[in-house]
Protein backbone atom coordinates (compact mmCIF):
# COMPACT_ATOMS: atom_id res chain seq x y z
CA MET A 1 41.57 -6.78 6.99
CA THR A 2 39.60 -6.54 10.22
CA HIS A 3 38.62 -3.38 12.05
CA LYS A 4 41.29 -4.06 14.68
CA SER A 5 44.05 -4.00 12.07
CA LEU A 6 43.02 -0.51 10.87
CA PHE A 7 44.01 1.21 14.11
CA PRO A 8 47.80 1.09 13.52
CA PHE A 9 47.22 3.04 10.29
CA LEU A 10 45.24 5.83 11.97
CA PRO A 11 48.28 7.93 13.02
CA PHE A 12 49.68 7.51 9.50
CA LEU A 13 46.38 8.69 8.02
CA LEU A 14 46.25 11.71 10.33
CA LEU A 15 49.73 12.67 9.14
CA ALA A 16 49.30 11.75 5.47
CA VAL A 17 46.08 13.66 4.78
CA PRO A 18 47.45 17.13 5.69
CA ILE A 19 50.66 16.45 3.74
CA LEU A 20 48.59 15.34 0.75
CA GLU A 21 46.40 18.44 1.05
CA ILE A 22 49.46 20.72 1.13
CA GLY A 23 50.82 19.01 -1.99
CA VAL A 24 47.50 19.43 -3.80
CA PHE A 25 47.33 23.10 -2.70
CA ILE A 26 50.77 23.69 -4.21
CA ILE A 27 49.91 21.95 -7.48
CA VAL A 28 46.48 23.61 -7.86
CA GLY A 29 47.83 26.99 -6.74
CA GLY A 30 50.59 26.75 -9.35
CA GLN A 31 48.01 26.02 -12.06
CA ILE A 32 45.23 28.49 -11.26
CA GLY A 33 46.86 30.92 -8.81
CA VAL A 34 46.68 31.42 -5.07
CA LEU A 35 43.58 33.64 -5.08
CA ASN A 36 41.60 31.25 -7.29
CA THR A 37 42.70 28.33 -5.10
CA LEU A 38 41.44 30.06 -1.96
CA LEU A 39 38.19 31.03 -3.69
CA GLY A 40 37.77 27.42 -4.83
CA ILE A 41 38.15 26.19 -1.25
CA LEU A 42 35.57 28.70 0.00
CA LEU A 43 33.21 27.90 -2.88
CA THR A 44 33.32 24.15 -2.22
CA ALA A 45 32.61 24.77 1.48
CA VAL A 46 29.56 26.92 0.65
CA ILE A 47 28.20 24.53 -2.00
CA GLY A 48 28.80 21.55 0.28
CA THR A 49 26.98 23.23 3.16
CA ILE A 50 23.95 24.00 0.97
CA LEU A 51 23.82 20.43 -0.40
CA LEU A 52 24.33 18.98 3.06
CA ARG A 53 21.47 21.02 4.49
CA HIS A 54 19.11 20.02 1.66
CA GLN A 55 19.97 16.30 1.92
CA GLY A 56 19.87 16.41 5.72
CA PHE A 57 16.28 17.70 5.74
CA ALA A 58 15.27 15.07 3.18
CA LEU A 59 16.91 12.37 5.32
CA VAL A 60 15.07 13.51 8.45
CA GLY A 61 11.78 13.24 6.53
CA GLN A 62 12.63 9.69 5.42
CA ALA A 63 13.57 8.70 8.98
CA GLN A 64 10.30 10.11 10.34
CA GLN A 65 8.37 8.20 7.67
CA GLN A 66 10.12 4.95 8.68
CA MET A 67 9.35 5.56 12.37
CA ASN A 68 5.70 6.35 11.60
CA GLN A 69 5.49 2.93 9.92
CA GLY A 70 6.89 1.33 13.08
CA LYS A 71 10.27 0.56 11.53
CA ILE A 72 13.71 1.40 12.86
CA PRO A 73 15.38 3.83 10.42
CA GLY A 74 18.75 2.05 10.46
CA LYS A 75 19.65 2.90 6.88
CA GLU A 76 18.67 6.54 7.40
CA MET A 77 20.74 6.71 10.59
CA ALA A 78 23.78 5.33 8.75
CA HIS A 79 23.23 7.84 5.96
CA GLY A 80 22.99 10.56 8.60
CA VAL A 81 26.39 9.60 10.02
CA MET A 82 27.87 9.66 6.52
CA LEU A 83 26.29 13.07 5.86
CA LEU A 84 27.82 14.34 9.09
CA ALA A 85 31.21 13.05 7.94
CA ALA A 86 30.64 14.69 4.55
CA GLY A 87 29.86 18.00 6.23
CA LEU A 88 32.99 17.86 8.36
CA LEU A 89 35.11 16.97 5.33
CA LEU A 90 33.61 19.78 3.24
CA LEU A 91 34.24 22.35 5.96
CA THR A 92 37.85 21.17 6.31
CA PRO A 93 39.99 23.24 3.91
CA GLY A 94 41.43 21.07 1.17
CA PHE A 95 40.64 19.56 -2.19
CA VAL A 96 41.14 15.93 -1.15
CA THR A 97 38.76 16.19 1.82
CA ASP A 98 36.29 18.15 -0.34
CA THR A 99 36.36 15.39 -2.96
CA ILE A 100 35.65 12.71 -0.36
CA GLY A 101 32.95 14.92 1.21
CA PHE A 102 31.23 15.50 -2.15
CA LEU A 103 31.36 11.75 -2.87
CA LEU A 104 29.60 11.10 0.45
CA LEU A 105 26.82 13.47 -0.63
CA VAL A 106 25.91 11.11 -3.49
CA PRO A 107 23.10 8.80 -2.21
CA GLY A 108 24.24 5.90 -4.42
CA ILE A 109 27.73 5.98 -2.94
CA ARG A 110 26.30 6.13 0.58
CA ASP A 111 24.09 3.12 -0.26
CA GLY A 112 27.13 1.21 -1.47
CA ILE A 113 29.06 2.00 1.71
CA PHE A 114 26.02 1.08 3.83
CA HIS A 115 25.59 -2.31 2.14
CA PHE A 116 29.34 -3.00 2.31
CA PHE A 117 29.41 -2.49 6.08
CA LYS A 118 25.94 -3.95 6.73
CA SER A 119 27.15 -7.45 5.89
CA ARG A 120 30.22 -7.06 8.11
CA VAL A 121 28.71 -5.59 11.28
CA THR A 122 27.24 -7.44 14.24
CA ILE A 123 24.42 -5.64 16.01
CA ALA A 124 24.17 -6.06 19.76
CA GLY A 125 21.26 -4.85 21.81
CA MET A 126 20.20 -4.83 25.42
CA GLN A 127 16.84 -6.17 26.47
CA GLY A 128 15.25 -5.55 29.80
CA GLN A 129 12.41 -7.09 31.75
CA SER A 130 10.84 -6.17 35.03
CA PHE A 131 8.18 -7.82 37.13
CA SER A 132 6.75 -7.60 40.60
CA ASN A 133 5.16 -10.20 42.83
CA GLY A 134 3.37 -7.57 44.91
CA SER A 135 6.06 -6.85 47.47
CA THR A 136 9.29 -7.27 45.53
CA TYR A 137 10.27 -5.61 42.27
CA TYR A 138 12.72 -7.42 39.97
CA GLU A 139 14.61 -6.11 36.93
CA SER A 140 16.69 -8.06 34.44
CA TYR A 141 18.88 -6.89 31.56
CA SER A 142 20.67 -9.04 29.03
CA TYR A 143 22.70 -8.41 25.92
CA GLN A 144 21.91 -10.05 22.61
CA SER A 145 24.06 -10.27 19.54
CA TYR A 146 22.70 -10.75 16.05
CA ASP A 147 24.92 -11.98 13.25
CA ALA A 148 24.59 -9.64 10.29
CA PRO A 149 23.79 -12.28 7.62
CA ASN A 150 21.05 -13.89 9.76
CA ARG A 151 19.65 -10.67 11.24
CA GLU A 152 16.14 -10.95 9.73
CA ASN A 153 15.76 -14.60 10.80
CA ASN A 154 16.94 -13.99 14.36
CA THR A 155 13.66 -13.04 16.03
CA ARG A 156 12.15 -14.32 19.25
CA PRO A 157 8.91 -16.30 19.07
CA ASP A 158 5.78 -14.62 20.43
CA ASN A 159 5.18 -17.41 22.97
CA ASP A 160 8.65 -17.20 24.56
CA ASP A 161 7.83 -17.21 28.30
CA ILE A 162 11.16 -18.50 29.60
CA ILE A 163 12.84 -16.30 32.20
CA ASP A 164 16.25 -17.65 33.10
CA LEU A 165 18.21 -15.41 35.46
CA ASP A 166 21.50 -15.79 37.22
CA GLU A 167 21.89 -14.31 40.67
CA ASP A 168 23.76 -11.24 39.41
CA GLN A 169 21.30 -10.47 36.58
CA PHE A 170 18.51 -8.97 38.66
CA GLY A 171 18.13 -6.39 41.36
CA GLU A 172 15.68 -6.65 44.23
CA VAL A 173 13.80 -3.71 45.70
CA ASN A 174 11.86 -4.38 48.94
CA ASP A 175 10.70 -0.79 49.45
CA ARG A 176 6.94 -0.50 48.74
CA ASP A 177 7.26 3.23 47.88
CA ALA A 178 9.95 2.48 45.31
CA ILE A 179 7.70 -0.13 43.68
CA GLU A 180 4.75 2.25 43.52
CA SER A 181 6.88 5.11 42.14
CA LYS A 182 8.13 2.77 39.40
CA LYS A 183 4.53 1.92 38.47
CA ASP A 184 3.34 5.55 38.49
CA GLY A 185 6.42 6.98 36.77
CA ASN A 186 6.97 9.28 39.79
CA SER A 187 10.53 8.23 40.39
CA PRO A 188 12.61 10.78 42.32
CA TRP A 189 15.18 10.43 39.52
CA ASN A 190 12.71 12.03 37.08
CA LYS A 191 12.34 15.20 39.15
CA ASN A 192 14.62 18.18 38.55
């Protein structure tokens, strides 16, 4: 099943989850009582918020450590998105959403989800180059796509000097002041 085929099920999911939550509320409320059910919902929200805060701070520390080593904290960013989803699910009243939210707080489960999607995602990035011949300033931007299985092997060689531009891939600036402001970082766009 591809990501495109999941979209027809989204309206069904948005309808099914509240109905499922209402059913679980009725069953749990019949077993432990209405007051205990409401207290359980509040308790899971408080516990989830505390756990989320603790794991969020730990994740920020790991991401900073990765960046200090010159690495992109991709795994930490994915875990951060999952922690955000966990927080939203835990704050949403309901036992089903709380269960999914608590599962997303488990680092091993997040790792499993990360590795499952890592092999199925294509990363695309934009690269830019600029150069000046003294009187004219040129800029070029291009998009690159990396296949997930070959991501580590898909690097550019250090001696890659080829610049191949089509006519619509660069912009020309003939204004000397604009060139100098680009070099000095004094662009009028940076001023408030």
